[in-house]
């Protein structure tokens, strides 16, 4: 599927009219900086662009909480930084709580609160 179709799919499955779903999806792709890539297939996109499409799709229903599991895991450091900046912007602009699960201390540094787990239990709450 194209980037646009990928973001539109959950909206259509939810019963929205295709035109309405496409309009919202184009808005969301613009929000993550991919409006010019909406007709591209996954093999034509970079890892960072694919990650941004996933974020746009996750925002389709205006969630109060966004869970991001290793959002920078397969990205180079520069692209990872841009994805983390996007998540911070979503938090700031939309008031959406962003929970990042990561093994990366660099990614964790972007959070306002850090909770460290070890063997399924809270080891430390804070830096």
PDB file of N, CA and C in Angstrom:
ATOM      1  N   UNK A   1       0.837  -1.191   0.000  1.00  0.00           N
ATOM      2  CA  UNK A   1       0.000   0.000   0.000  1.00  0.00           C
ATOM      3  C   UNK A   1       0.879   1.249   0.000  1.00  0.00           C
ATOM      4  N   UNK A   2       0.365   2.308  -0.545  1.00  0.00           N
ATOM      5  CA  UNK A   2       1.068   3.588  -0.511  1.00  0.00           C
ATOM      6  C   UNK A   2       1.009   4.143   0.909  1.00  0.00           C
ATOM      7  N   UNK A   3       1.797   5.172   1.147  1.00  0.00           N
ATOM      8  CA  UNK A   3       1.792   5.817   2.454  1.00  0.00           C
ATOM      9  C   UNK A   3       0.384   6.307   2.797  1.00  0.00           C
ATOM     10  N   UNK A   4      -0.285   6.929   1.844  1.00  0.00           N
ATOM     11  CA  UNK A   4      -1.638   7.433   2.075  1.00  0.00           C
ATOM     12  C   UNK A   4      -2.597   6.294   2.394  1.00  0.00           C
ATOM     13  N   UNK A   5      -2.542   5.228   1.617  1.00  0.00           N
ATOM     14  CA  UNK A   5      -3.431   4.083   1.862  1.00  0.00           C
ATOM     15  C   UNK A   5      -3.168   3.465   3.232  1.00  0.00           C
ATOM     16  N   UNK A   6      -1.908   3.437   3.631  1.00  0.00           N
ATOM     17  CA  UNK A   6      -1.537   2.866   4.914  1.00  0.00           C
ATOM     18  C   UNK A   6      -2.160   3.643   6.068  1.00  0.00           C
ATOM     19  N   UNK A   7      -2.151   4.962   5.982  1.00  0.00           N
ATOM     20  CA  UNK A   7      -2.720   5.794   7.042  1.00  0.00           C
ATOM     21  C   UNK A   7      -4.249   5.789   6.962  1.00  0.00           C
ATOM     22  N   UNK A   8      -4.794   5.703   5.767  1.00  0.00           N
ATOM     23  CA  UNK A   8      -6.243   5.728   5.553  1.00  0.00           C
ATOM     24  C   UNK A   8      -6.925   4.447   6.016  1.00  0.00           C
ATOM     25  N   UNK A   9      -6.264   3.322   5.906  1.00  0.00           N
ATOM     26  CA  UNK A   9      -6.889   2.024   6.172  1.00  0.00           C
ATOM     27  C   UNK A   9      -7.635   1.944   7.504  1.00  0.00           C
ATOM     28  N   UNK A  10      -7.032   2.297   8.649  1.00  0.00           N
ATOM     29  CA  UNK A  10      -7.790   2.162   9.898  1.00  0.00           C
ATOM     30  C   UNK A  10      -9.032   3.062   9.948  1.00  0.00           C
ATOM     31  N   UNK A  11      -8.974   4.197   9.298  1.00  0.00           N
ATOM     32  CA  UNK A  11     -10.128   5.103   9.278  1.00  0.00           C
ATOM     33  C   UNK A  11     -11.274   4.510   8.464  1.00  0.00           C
ATOM     34  N   UNK A  12     -10.947   3.908   7.328  1.00  0.00           N
ATOM     35  CA  UNK A  12     -11.965   3.271   6.491  1.00  0.00           C
ATOM     36  C   UNK A  12     -12.549   2.056   7.216  1.00  0.00           C
ATOM     37  N   UNK A  13     -11.683   1.279   7.859  1.00  0.00           N
ATOM     38  CA  UNK A  13     -12.168   0.118   8.616  1.00  0.00           C
ATOM     39  C   UNK A  13     -13.072   0.532   9.770  1.00  0.00           C
ATOM     40  N   UNK A  14     -12.898   1.758  10.249  1.00  0.00           N
ATOM     41  CA  UNK A  14     -13.733   2.295  11.319  1.00  0.00           C
ATOM     42  C   UNK A  14     -15.070   2.822  10.790  1.00  0.00           C
ATOM     43  N   UNK A  15     -15.249   2.820   9.460  1.00  0.00           N
ATOM     44  CA  UNK A  15     -16.523   3.230   8.884  1.00  0.00           C
ATOM     45  C   UNK A  15     -16.542   4.626   8.302  1.00  0.00           C
ATOM     46  N   UNK A  16     -15.406   5.303   8.278  1.00  0.00           N
ATOM     47  CA  UNK A  16     -15.375   6.651   7.694  1.00  0.00           C
ATOM     48  C   UNK A  16     -15.465   6.563   6.174  1.00  0.00           C
ATOM     49  N   UNK A  17     -16.048   7.568   5.587  1.00  0.00           N
ATOM     50  CA  UNK A  17     -16.099   7.652   4.123  1.00  0.00           C
ATOM     51  C   UNK A  17     -14.675   7.773   3.594  1.00  0.00           C
ATOM     52  N   UNK A  18     -14.428   7.178   2.440  1.00  0.00           N
ATOM     53  CA  UNK A  18     -13.076   7.170   1.871  1.00  0.00           C
ATOM     54  C   UNK A  18     -12.543   8.583   1.682  1.00  0.00           C
ATOM     55  N   UNK A  19     -13.358   9.487   1.178  1.00  0.00           N
ATOM     56  CA  UNK A  19     -12.905  10.867   0.949  1.00  0.00           C
ATOM     57  C   UNK A  19     -12.515  11.533   2.267  1.00  0.00           C
ATOM     58  N   UNK A  20     -13.322  11.338   3.302  1.00  0.00           N
ATOM     59  CA  UNK A  20     -13.023  11.912   4.614  1.00  0.00           C
ATOM     60  C   UNK A  20     -11.741  11.293   5.189  1.00  0.00           C
ATOM     61  N   UNK A  21     -11.609   9.979   5.041  1.00  0.00           N
ATOM     62  CA  UNK A  21     -10.418   9.285   5.547  1.00  0.00           C
ATOM     63  C   UNK A  21      -9.165   9.752   4.811  1.00  0.00           C
ATOM     64  N   UNK A  22      -9.269   9.912   3.494  1.00  0.00           N
ATOM     65  CA  UNK A  22      -8.125  10.397   2.714  1.00  0.00           C
ATOM     66  C   UNK A  22      -7.734  11.810   3.138  1.00  0.00           C
ATOM     67  N   UNK A  23      -8.721  12.657   3.365  1.00  0.00           N
ATOM     68  CA  UNK A  23      -8.437  14.044   3.770  1.00  0.00           C
ATOM     69  C   UNK A  23      -7.711  14.064   5.113  1.00  0.00           C
ATOM     70  N   UNK A  24      -8.195  13.298   6.080  1.00  0.00           N
ATOM     71  CA  UNK A  24      -7.539  13.258   7.389  1.00  0.00           C
ATOM     72  C   UNK A  24      -6.137  12.672   7.254  1.00  0.00           C
ATOM     73  N   UNK A  25      -5.990  11.644   6.438  1.00  0.00           N
ATOM     74  CA  UNK A  25      -4.686  11.003   6.256  1.00  0.00           C
ATOM     75  C   UNK A  25      -3.680  11.951   5.614  1.00  0.00           C
ATOM     76  N   UNK A  26      -4.138  12.734   4.654  1.00  0.00           N
ATOM     77  CA  UNK A  26      -3.241  13.724   4.040  1.00  0.00           C
ATOM     78  C   UNK A  26      -2.811  14.755   5.070  1.00  0.00           C
ATOM     79  N   UNK A  27      -3.727  15.176   5.935  1.00  0.00           N
ATOM     80  CA  UNK A  27      -3.384  16.102   7.020  1.00  0.00           C
ATOM     81  C   UNK A  27      -2.326  15.482   7.928  1.00  0.00           C
ATOM     82  N   UNK A  28      -2.532  14.214   8.311  1.00  0.00           N
ATOM     83  CA  UNK A  28      -1.584  13.544   9.212  1.00  0.00           C
ATOM     84  C   UNK A  28      -0.220  13.340   8.549  1.00  0.00           C
ATOM     85  N   UNK A  29      -0.208  13.005   7.273  1.00  0.00           N
ATOM     86  CA  UNK A  29       1.076  12.870   6.576  1.00  0.00           C
ATOM     87  C   UNK A  29       1.785  14.223   6.521  1.00  0.00           C
ATOM     88  N   UNK A  30       1.038  15.295   6.367  1.00  0.00           N
ATOM     89  CA  UNK A  30       1.632  16.629   6.417  1.00  0.00           C
ATOM     90  C   UNK A  30       2.207  16.924   7.785  1.00  0.00           C
ATOM     91  N   UNK A  31       1.509  16.496   8.816  1.00  0.00           N
ATOM     92  CA  UNK A  31       1.948  16.727  10.193  1.00  0.00           C
ATOM     93  C   UNK A  31       3.301  16.064  10.464  1.00  0.00           C
ATOM     94  N   UNK A  32       3.533  14.902   9.847  1.00  0.00           N
ATOM     95  CA  UNK A  32       4.808  14.209  10.053  1.00  0.00           C
ATOM     96  C   UNK A  32       5.810  14.500   8.931  1.00  0.00           C
ATOM     97  N   UNK A  33       5.481  15.462   8.079  1.00  0.00           N
ATOM     98  CA  UNK A  33       6.410  15.915   7.047  1.00  0.00           C
ATOM     99  C   UNK A  33       6.513  15.023   5.825  1.00  0.00           C
ATOM    100  N   UNK A  34       5.460  14.266   5.521  1.00  0.00           N
ATOM    101  CA  UNK A  34       5.529  13.337   4.388  1.00  0.00           C
ATOM    102  C   UNK A  34       4.450  13.565   3.334  1.00  0.00           C
ATOM    103  N   UNK A  35       3.897  14.772   3.273  1.00  0.00           N
ATOM    104  CA  UNK A  35       2.846  15.030   2.301  1.00  0.00           C
ATOM    105  C   UNK A  35       3.312  14.785   0.867  1.00  0.00           C
ATOM    106  N   UNK A  36       4.592  15.001   0.603  1.00  0.00           N
ATOM    107  CA  UNK A  36       5.120  14.800  -0.750  1.00  0.00           C
ATOM    108  C   UNK A  36       5.384  13.329  -1.073  1.00  0.00           C
ATOM    109  N   UNK A  37       5.295  12.456  -0.064  1.00  0.00           N
ATOM    110  CA  UNK A  37       5.608  11.032  -0.261  1.00  0.00           C
ATOM    111  C   UNK A  37       4.366  10.155  -0.182  1.00  0.00           C
ATOM    112  N   UNK A  38       3.191  10.759  -0.211  1.00  0.00           N
ATOM    113  CA  UNK A  38       1.946  10.030   0.033  1.00  0.00           C
ATOM    114  C   UNK A  38       1.668   8.906  -0.962  1.00  0.00           C
ATOM    115  N   UNK A  39       2.180   9.000  -2.170  1.00  0.00           N
ATOM    116  CA  UNK A  39       1.914   7.973  -3.181  1.00  0.00           C
ATOM    117  C   UNK A  39       3.045   6.958  -3.328  1.00  0.00           C
ATOM    118  N   UNK A  40       3.968   6.970  -2.383  1.00  0.00           N
ATOM    119  CA  UNK A  40       5.107   6.057  -2.442  1.00  0.00           C
ATOM    120  C   UNK A  40       4.823   4.762  -1.691  1.00  0.00           C
ATOM    121  N   UNK A  41       5.375   3.683  -2.215  1.00  0.00           N
ATOM    122  CA  UNK A  41       5.275   2.368  -1.584  1.00  0.00           C
ATOM    123  C   UNK A  41       6.395   2.198  -0.562  1.00  0.00           C
ATOM    124  N   UNK A  42       6.253   1.255   0.369  1.00  0.00           N
ATOM    125  CA  UNK A  42       7.278   1.088   1.412  1.00  0.00           C
ATOM    126  C   UNK A  42       8.697   0.917   0.880  1.00  0.00           C
ATOM    127  N   UNK A  43       8.857   0.180  -0.203  1.00  0.00           N
ATOM    128  CA  UNK A  43      10.214  -0.034  -0.737  1.00  0.00           C
ATOM    129  C   UNK A  43      10.826   1.235  -1.332  1.00  0.00           C
ATOM    130  N   UNK A  44      10.019   2.273  -1.482  1.00  0.00           N
ATOM    131  CA  UNK A  44      10.495   3.552  -2.002  1.00  0.00           C
ATOM    132  C   UNK A  44      10.769   4.561  -0.887  1.00  0.00           C
ATOM    133  N   UNK A  45      10.623   4.122   0.362  1.00  0.00           N
ATOM    134  CA  UNK A  45      10.754   5.010   1.514  1.00  0.00           C
ATOM    135  C   UNK A  45      11.921   4.586   2.390  1.00  0.00           C
ATOM    136  N   UNK A  46      12.469   5.535   3.120  1.00  0.00           N
ATOM    137  CA  UNK A  46      13.540   5.234   4.072  1.00  0.00           C
ATOM    138  C   UNK A  46      12.934   4.693   5.366  1.00  0.00           C
ATOM    139  N   UNK A  47      13.781   4.159   6.224  1.00  0.00           N
ATOM    140  CA  UNK A  47      13.322   3.670   7.518  1.00  0.00           C
ATOM    141  C   UNK A  47      12.668   4.754   8.344  1.00  0.00           C
ATOM    142  N   UNK A  48      13.236   5.947   8.313  1.00  0.00           N
ATOM    143  CA  UNK A  48      12.661   7.061   9.054  1.00  0.00           C
ATOM    144  C   UNK A  48      11.301   7.474   8.513  1.00  0.00           C
ATOM    145  N   UNK A  49      11.155   7.439   7.188  1.00  0.00           N
ATOM    146  CA  UNK A  49       9.865   7.775   6.587  1.00  0.00           C
ATOM    147  C   UNK A  49       8.814   6.728   6.959  1.00  0.00           C
ATOM    148  N   UNK A  50       9.202   5.481   6.954  1.00  0.00           N
ATOM    149  CA  UNK A  50       8.273   4.415   7.340  1.00  0.00           C
ATOM    150  C   UNK A  50       7.850   4.594   8.791  1.00  0.00           C
ATOM    151  N   UNK A  51       8.786   4.966   9.642  1.00  0.00           N
ATOM    152  CA  UNK A  51       8.465   5.198  11.051  1.00  0.00           C
ATOM    153  C   UNK A  51       7.491   6.372  11.193  1.00  0.00           C
ATOM    154  N   UNK A  52       7.685   7.410  10.405  1.00  0.00           N
ATOM    155  CA  UNK A  52       6.792   8.567  10.451  1.00  0.00           C
ATOM    156  C   UNK A  52       5.387   8.207   9.960  1.00  0.00           C
ATOM    157  N   UNK A  53       5.299   7.334   8.975  1.00  0.00           N
ATOM    158  CA  UNK A  53       3.989   6.871   8.504  1.00  0.00           C
ATOM    159  C   UNK A  53       3.285   6.107   9.623  1.00  0.00           C
ATOM    160  N   UNK A  54       4.023   5.284  10.330  1.00  0.00           N
ATOM    161  CA  UNK A  54       3.438   4.547  11.460  1.00  0.00           C
ATOM    162  C   UNK A  54       2.929   5.520  12.526  1.00  0.00           C
ATOM    163  N   UNK A  55       3.654   6.584  12.757  1.00  0.00           N
ATOM    164  CA  UNK A  55       3.213   7.599  13.732  1.00  0.00           C
ATOM    165  C   UNK A  55       1.944   8.285  13.229  1.00  0.00           C
ATOM    166  N   UNK A  56       1.901   8.635  11.954  1.00  0.00           N
ATOM    167  CA  UNK A  56       0.700   9.261  11.387  1.00  0.00           C
ATOM    168  C   UNK A  56      -0.506   8.340  11.545  1.00  0.00           C
ATOM    169  N   UNK A  57      -0.318   7.063  11.246  1.00  0.00           N
ATOM    170  CA  UNK A  57      -1.412   6.096  11.384  1.00  0.00           C
ATOM    171  C   UNK A  57      -1.864   5.998  12.843  1.00  0.00           C
ATOM    172  N   UNK A  58      -0.901   6.015  13.764  1.00  0.00           N
ATOM    173  CA  UNK A  58      -1.230   5.934  15.187  1.00  0.00           C
ATOM    174  C   UNK A  58      -2.022   7.152  15.659  1.00  0.00           C
ATOM    175  N   UNK A  59      -1.860   8.268  14.990  1.00  0.00           N
ATOM    176  CA  UNK A  59      -2.564   9.502  15.376  1.00  0.00           C
ATOM    177  C   UNK A  59      -3.952   9.633  14.746  1.00  0.00           C
ATOM    178  N   UNK A  60      -4.336   8.666  13.942  1.00  0.00           N
ATOM    179  CA  UNK A  60      -5.581   8.761  13.174  1.00  0.00           C
ATOM    180  C   UNK A  60      -6.812   9.004  14.037  1.00  0.00           C
ATOM    181  N   UNK A  61      -6.821   8.468  15.247  1.00  0.00           N
ATOM    182  CA  UNK A  61      -7.997   8.602  16.103  1.00  0.00           C
ATOM    183  C   UNK A  61      -7.771   9.557  17.271  1.00  0.00           C
ATOM    184  N   UNK A  62      -6.775  10.446  17.129  1.00  0.00           N
ATOM    185  CA  UNK A  62      -6.470  11.448  18.161  1.00  0.00           C
ATOM    186  C   UNK A  62      -6.332  10.821  19.550  1.00  0.00           C
ATOM    187  N   UNK A  63      -5.417   9.881  19.709  1.00  0.00           N
ATOM    188  CA  UNK A  63      -5.310   9.185  20.997  1.00  0.00           C
ATOM    189  C   UNK A  63      -4.774  10.102  22.097  1.00  0.00           C
ATOM    190  N   UNK A  64      -5.236   9.909  23.324  1.00  0.00           N
ATOM    191  CA  UNK A  64      -4.683  10.698  24.422  1.00  0.00           C
ATOM    192  C   UNK A  64      -3.296  10.207  24.820  1.00  0.00           C
ATOM    193  N   UNK A  65      -2.994   8.938  24.496  1.00  0.00           N
ATOM    194  CA  UNK A  65      -1.689   8.348  24.806  1.00  0.00           C
ATOM    195  C   UNK A  65      -1.171   7.649  23.560  1.00  0.00           C
ATOM    196  N   UNK A  66       0.092   7.868  23.255  1.00  0.00           N
ATOM    197  CA  UNK A  66       0.753   7.215  22.132  1.00  0.00           C
ATOM    198  C   UNK A  66       1.868   6.349  22.701  1.00  0.00           C
ATOM    199  N   UNK A  67       1.807   5.046  22.437  1.00  0.00           N
ATOM    200  CA  UNK A  67       2.843   4.124  22.895  1.00  0.00           C
ATOM    201  C   UNK A  67       3.815   3.888  21.750  1.00  0.00           C
ATOM    202  N   UNK A  68       5.086   4.147  21.990  1.00  0.00           N
ATOM    203  CA  UNK A  68       6.116   3.989  20.964  1.00  0.00           C
ATOM    204  C   UNK A  68       7.136   2.966  21.447  1.00  0.00           C
ATOM    205  N   UNK A  69       7.131   1.787  20.847  1.00  0.00           N
ATOM    206  CA  UNK A  69       8.027   0.702  21.223  1.00  0.00           C
ATOM    207  C   UNK A  69       9.270   0.759  20.339  1.00  0.00           C
ATOM    208  N   UNK A  70      10.390   1.137  20.934  1.00  0.00           N
ATOM    209  CA  UNK A  70      11.672   1.253  20.219  1.00  0.00           C
ATOM    210  C   UNK A  70      11.527   2.080  18.934  1.00  0.00           C
ATOM    211  N   UNK A  71      11.050   3.319  19.034  1.00  0.00           N
ATOM    212  CA  UNK A  71      10.807   4.107  17.826  1.00  0.00           C
ATOM    213  C   UNK A  71      12.068   4.454  17.040  1.00  0.00           C
ATOM    214  N   UNK A  72      13.235   4.311  17.649  1.00  0.00           N
ATOM    215  CA  UNK A  72      14.488   4.623  16.949  1.00  0.00           C
ATOM    216  C   UNK A  72      15.338   3.376  16.727  1.00  0.00           C
ATOM    217  N   UNK A  73      14.805   2.226  17.041  1.00  0.00           N
ATOM    218  CA  UNK A  73      15.576   0.984  17.048  1.00  0.00           C
ATOM    219  C   UNK A  73      16.299   0.648  15.751  1.00  0.00           C
ATOM    220  N   UNK A  74      15.692   0.875  14.605  1.00  0.00           N
ATOM    221  CA  UNK A  74      16.301   0.504  13.329  1.00  0.00           C
ATOM    222  C   UNK A  74      16.728   1.716  12.512  1.00  0.00           C
ATOM    223  N   UNK A  75      16.956   2.824  13.196  1.00  0.00           N
ATOM    224  CA  UNK A  75      17.265   4.059  12.489  1.00  0.00           C
ATOM    225  C   UNK A  75      18.674   4.540  12.817  1.00  0.00           C
ATOM    226  N   UNK A  76      19.283   5.255  11.877  1.00  0.00           N
ATOM    227  CA  UNK A  76      20.562   5.887  12.175  1.00  0.00           C
ATOM    228  C   UNK A  76      20.319   7.006  13.176  1.00  0.00           C
ATOM    229  N   UNK A  77      21.378   7.493  13.804  1.00  0.00           N
ATOM    230  CA  UNK A  77      21.214   8.444  14.904  1.00  0.00           C
ATOM    231  C   UNK A  77      20.530   9.740  14.470  1.00  0.00           C
ATOM    232  N   UNK A  78      20.850  10.262  13.293  1.00  0.00           N
ATOM    233  CA  UNK A  78      20.239  11.509  12.835  1.00  0.00           C
ATOM    234  C   UNK A  78      18.737  11.327  12.592  1.00  0.00           C
ATOM    235  N   UNK A  79      18.366  10.244  11.937  1.00  0.00           N
ATOM    236  CA  UNK A  79      16.952   9.978  11.674  1.00  0.00           C
ATOM    237  C   UNK A  79      16.220   9.702  12.979  1.00  0.00           C
ATOM    238  N   UNK A  80      16.869   8.977  13.891  1.00  0.00           N
ATOM    239  CA  UNK A  80      16.287   8.714  15.203  1.00  0.00           C
ATOM    240  C   UNK A  80      15.993   9.996  15.948  1.00  0.00           C
ATOM    241  N   UNK A  81      16.917  10.936  15.889  1.00  0.00           N
ATOM    242  CA  UNK A  81      16.707  12.238  16.541  1.00  0.00           C
ATOM    243  C   UNK A  81      15.496  12.952  15.957  1.00  0.00           C
ATOM    244  N   UNK A  82      15.315  12.867  14.641  1.00  0.00           N
ATOM    245  CA  UNK A  82      14.174  13.555  14.026  1.00  0.00           C
ATOM    246  C   UNK A  82      12.852  12.896  14.437  1.00  0.00           C
ATOM    247  N   UNK A  83      12.840  11.571  14.587  1.00  0.00           N
ATOM    248  CA  UNK A  83      11.624  10.882  15.040  1.00  0.00           C
ATOM    249  C   UNK A  83      11.315  11.270  16.488  1.00  0.00           C
ATOM    250  N   UNK A  84      12.346  11.333  17.339  1.00  0.00           N
ATOM    251  CA  UNK A  84      12.137  11.737  18.733  1.00  0.00           C
ATOM    252  C   UNK A  84      11.657  13.186  18.823  1.00  0.00           C
ATOM    253  N   UNK A  85      12.188  14.044  17.961  1.00  0.00           N
ATOM    254  CA  UNK A  85      11.730  15.442  17.934  1.00  0.00           C
ATOM    255  C   UNK A  85      10.258  15.513  17.519  1.00  0.00           C
ATOM    256  N   UNK A  86       9.872  14.678  16.562  1.00  0.00           N
ATOM    257  CA  UNK A  86       8.476  14.629  16.133  1.00  0.00           C
ATOM    258  C   UNK A  86       7.577  14.181  17.288  1.00  0.00           C
ATOM    259  N   UNK A  87       7.985  13.160  18.024  1.00  0.00           N
ATOM    260  CA  UNK A  87       7.190  12.685  19.157  1.00  0.00           C
ATOM    261  C   UNK A  87       7.063  13.771  20.226  1.00  0.00           C
ATOM    262  N   UNK A  88       8.135  14.506  20.471  1.00  0.00           N
ATOM    263  CA  UNK A  88       8.072  15.601  21.443  1.00  0.00           C
ATOM    264  C   UNK A  88       7.121  16.688  20.946  1.00  0.00           C
ATOM    265  N   UNK A  89       7.162  16.988  19.667  1.00  0.00           N
ATOM    266  CA  UNK A  89       6.274  18.004  19.090  1.00  0.00           C
ATOM    267  C   UNK A  89       4.811  17.574  19.231  1.00  0.00           C
ATOM    268  N   UNK A  90       4.523  16.307  18.984  1.00  0.00           N
ATOM    269  CA  UNK A  90       3.158  15.790  19.135  1.00  0.00           C
ATOM    270  C   UNK A  90       2.709  15.959  20.583  1.00  0.00           C
ATOM    271  N   UNK A  91       3.603  15.655  21.513  1.00  0.00           N
ATOM    272  CA  UNK A  91       3.289  15.823  22.930  1.00  0.00           C
ATOM    273  C   UNK A  91       2.985  17.282  23.240  1.00  0.00           C
ATOM    274  N   UNK A  92       3.831  18.162  22.777  1.00  0.00           N
ATOM    275  CA  UNK A  92       3.694  19.590  23.074  1.00  0.00           C
ATOM    276  C   UNK A  92       2.482  20.207  22.377  1.00  0.00           C
ATOM    277  N   UNK A  93       2.325  19.949  21.086  1.00  0.00           N
ATOM    278  CA  UNK A  93       1.287  20.616  20.307  1.00  0.00           C
ATOM    279  C   UNK A  93      -0.107  20.015  20.505  1.00  0.00           C
ATOM    280  N   UNK A  94      -0.172  18.698  20.654  1.00  0.00           N
ATOM    281  CA  UNK A  94      -1.472  18.024  20.724  1.00  0.00           C
ATOM    282  C   UNK A  94      -1.860  17.613  22.138  1.00  0.00           C
ATOM    283  N   UNK A  95      -0.936  17.755  23.093  1.00  0.00           N
ATOM    284  CA  UNK A  95      -1.225  17.338  24.449  1.00  0.00           C
ATOM    285  C   UNK A  95      -1.330  15.829  24.598  1.00  0.00           C
ATOM    286  N   UNK A  96      -0.790  15.115  23.647  1.00  0.00           N
ATOM    287  CA  UNK A  96      -0.818  13.658  23.649  1.00  0.00           C
ATOM    288  C   UNK A  96       0.348  13.154  24.504  1.00  0.00           C
ATOM    289  N   UNK A  97       0.050  12.320  25.489  1.00  0.00           N
ATOM    290  CA  UNK A  97       1.110  11.720  26.291  1.00  0.00           C
ATOM    291  C   UNK A  97       1.821  10.690  25.427  1.00  0.00           C
ATOM    292  N   UNK A  98       3.135  10.756  25.374  1.00  0.00           N
ATOM    293  CA  UNK A  98       3.929   9.816  24.583  1.00  0.00           C
ATOM    294  C   UNK A  98       4.743   8.961  25.543  1.00  0.00           C
ATOM    295  N   UNK A  99       4.525   7.662  25.476  1.00  0.00           N
ATOM    296  CA  UNK A  99       5.286   6.718  26.282  1.00  0.00           C
ATOM    297  C   UNK A  99       6.233   5.985  25.337  1.00  0.00           C
ATOM    298  N   UNK A 100       7.517   6.134  25.598  1.00  0.00           N
ATOM    299  CA  UNK A 100       8.532   5.481  24.773  1.00  0.00           C
ATOM    300  C   UNK A 100       9.144   4.332  25.565  1.00  0.00           C
ATOM    301  N   UNK A 101       9.133   3.163  24.969  1.00  0.00           N
ATOM    302  CA  UNK A 101       9.819   2.009  25.537  1.00  0.00           C
ATOM    303  C   UNK A 101      11.077   1.830  24.708  1.00  0.00           C
ATOM    304  N   UNK A 102      12.228   1.841  25.378  1.00  0.00           N
ATOM    305  CA  UNK A 102      13.478   1.791  24.634  1.00  0.00           C
ATOM    306  C   UNK A 102      14.607   1.208  25.472  1.00  0.00           C
ATOM    307  N   UNK A 103      15.593   0.668  24.783  1.00  0.00           N
ATOM    308  CA  UNK A 103      16.839   0.250  25.418  1.00  0.00           C
ATOM    309  C   UNK A 103      17.897   1.341  25.270  1.00  0.00           C
ATOM    310  N   UNK A 104      17.578   2.362  24.498  1.00  0.00           N
ATOM    311  CA  UNK A 104      18.520   3.426  24.181  1.00  0.00           C
ATOM    312  C   UNK A 104      18.487   4.528  25.235  1.00  0.00           C
ATOM    313  N   UNK A 105      19.597   4.729  25.901  1.00  0.00           N
ATOM    314  CA  UNK A 105      19.669   5.831  26.886  1.00  0.00           C
ATOM    315  C   UNK A 105      19.519   7.175  26.180  1.00  0.00           C
ATOM    316  N   UNK A 106      20.043   7.282  24.951  1.00  0.00           N
ATOM    317  CA  UNK A 106      19.918   8.533  24.206  1.00  0.00           C
ATOM    318  C   UNK A 106      18.444   8.855  23.949  1.00  0.00           C
ATOM    319  N   UNK A 107      17.671   7.866  23.551  1.00  0.00           N
ATOM    320  CA  UNK A 107      16.248   8.094  23.314  1.00  0.00           C
ATOM    321  C   UNK A 107      15.537   8.418  24.622  1.00  0.00           C
ATOM    322  N   UNK A 108      15.917   7.739  25.689  1.00  0.00           N
ATOM    323  CA  UNK A 108      15.285   7.968  26.993  1.00  0.00           C
ATOM    324  C   UNK A 108      15.516   9.392  27.482  1.00  0.00           C
ATOM    325  N   UNK A 109      16.628   9.979  27.112  1.00  0.00           N
ATOM    326  CA  UNK A 109      16.941  11.343  27.548  1.00  0.00           C
ATOM    327  C   UNK A 109      15.939  12.366  27.024  1.00  0.00           C
ATOM    328  N   UNK A 110      15.173  12.018  26.007  1.00  0.00           N
ATOM    329  CA  UNK A 110      14.198  12.944  25.437  1.00  0.00           C
ATOM    330  C   UNK A 110      12.924  13.035  26.275  1.00  0.00           C
ATOM    331  N   UNK A 111      12.765  12.130  27.209  1.00  0.00           N
ATOM    332  CA  UNK A 111      11.544  12.113  28.001  1.00  0.00           C
ATOM    333  C   UNK A 111      11.586  13.054  29.191  1.00  0.00           C
ATOM    334  N   UNK A 112      10.415  13.454  29.643  1.00  0.00           N
ATOM    335  CA  UNK A 112      10.316  14.285  30.841  1.00  0.00           C
ATOM    336  C   UNK A 112      10.434  13.439  32.102  1.00  0.00           C
ATOM    337  N   UNK A 113      10.051  12.187  31.995  1.00  0.00           N
ATOM    338  CA  UNK A 113      10.126  11.272  33.133  1.00  0.00           C
ATOM    339  C   UNK A 113      10.676   9.948  32.634  1.00  0.00           C
ATOM    340  N   UNK A 114      11.557   9.380  33.411  1.00  0.00           N
ATOM    341  CA  UNK A 114      12.172   8.114  33.029  1.00  0.00           C
ATOM    342  C   UNK A 114      11.924   7.083  34.121  1.00  0.00           C
ATOM    343  N   UNK A 115      11.404   5.928  33.717  1.00  0.00           N
ATOM    344  CA  UNK A 115      11.185   4.819  34.641  1.00  0.00           C
ATOM    345  C   UNK A 115      12.005   3.653  34.116  1.00  0.00           C
ATOM    346  N   UNK A 116      12.900   3.154  34.931  1.00  0.00           N
ATOM    347  CA  UNK A 116      13.783   2.060  34.541  1.00  0.00           C
ATOM    348  C   UNK A 116      13.252   0.747  35.099  1.00  0.00           C
ATOM    349  N   UNK A 117      13.150  -0.243  34.228  1.00  0.00           N
ATOM    350  CA  UNK A 117      12.687  -1.567  34.627  1.00  0.00           C
ATOM    351  C   UNK A 117      13.834  -2.565  34.554  1.00  0.00           C
ATOM    352  N   UNK A 118      13.819  -3.520  35.449  1.00  0.00           N
ATOM    353  CA  UNK A 118      14.769  -4.638  35.397  1.00  0.00           C
ATOM    354  C   UNK A 118      13.999  -5.883  35.810  1.00  0.00           C
ATOM    355  N   UNK A 119      14.031  -6.877  34.943  1.00  0.00           N
ATOM    356  CA  UNK A 119      13.364  -8.148  35.208  1.00  0.00           C
ATOM    357  C   UNK A 119      11.891  -7.960  35.554  1.00  0.00           C
ATOM    358  N   UNK A 120      11.237  -7.020  34.873  1.00  0.00           N
ATOM    359  CA  UNK A 120       9.801  -6.822  35.038  1.00  0.00           C
ATOM    360  C   UNK A 120       9.376  -5.973  36.206  1.00  0.00           C
ATOM    361  N   UNK A 121      10.333  -5.419  36.944  1.00  0.00           N
ATOM    362  CA  UNK A 121       9.996  -4.586  38.096  1.00  0.00           C
ATOM    363  C   UNK A 121      10.660  -3.207  37.958  1.00  0.00           C
ATOM    364  N   UNK A 122      10.023  -2.203  38.575  1.00  0.00           N
ATOM    365  CA  UNK A 122      10.586  -0.857  38.546  1.00  0.00           C
ATOM    366  C   UNK A 122      11.867  -0.866  39.366  1.00  0.00           C
ATOM    367  N   UNK A 123      12.951  -0.514  38.719  1.00  0.00           N
ATOM    368  CA  UNK A 123      14.242  -0.420  39.386  1.00  0.00           C
ATOM    369  C   UNK A 123      14.462   0.976  39.926  1.00  0.00           C
ATOM    370  N   UNK A 124      14.070   1.966  39.085  1.00  0.00           N
ATOM    371  CA  UNK A 124      14.302   3.370  39.455  1.00  0.00           C
ATOM    372  C   UNK A 124      13.270   4.223  38.732  1.00  0.00           C
ATOM    373  N   UNK A 125      12.734   5.212  39.426  1.00  0.00           N
ATOM    374  CA  UNK A 125      11.796   6.163  38.837  1.00  0.00           C
ATOM    375  C   UNK A 125      12.494   7.517  38.856  1.00  0.00           C
ATOM    376  N   UNK A 126      12.949   7.951  37.703  1.00  0.00           N
ATOM    377  CA  UNK A 126      13.696   9.202  37.583  1.00  0.00           C
ATOM    378  C   UNK A 126      15.128   8.928  37.155  1.00  0.00           C
ATOM    379  N   UNK A 127      15.898   9.985  36.945  1.00  0.00           N
ATOM    380  CA  UNK A 127      17.281   9.820  36.456  1.00  0.00           C
ATOM    381  C   UNK A 127      18.249   9.416  37.490  1.00  0.00           C
TER     382      UNK A 127
END
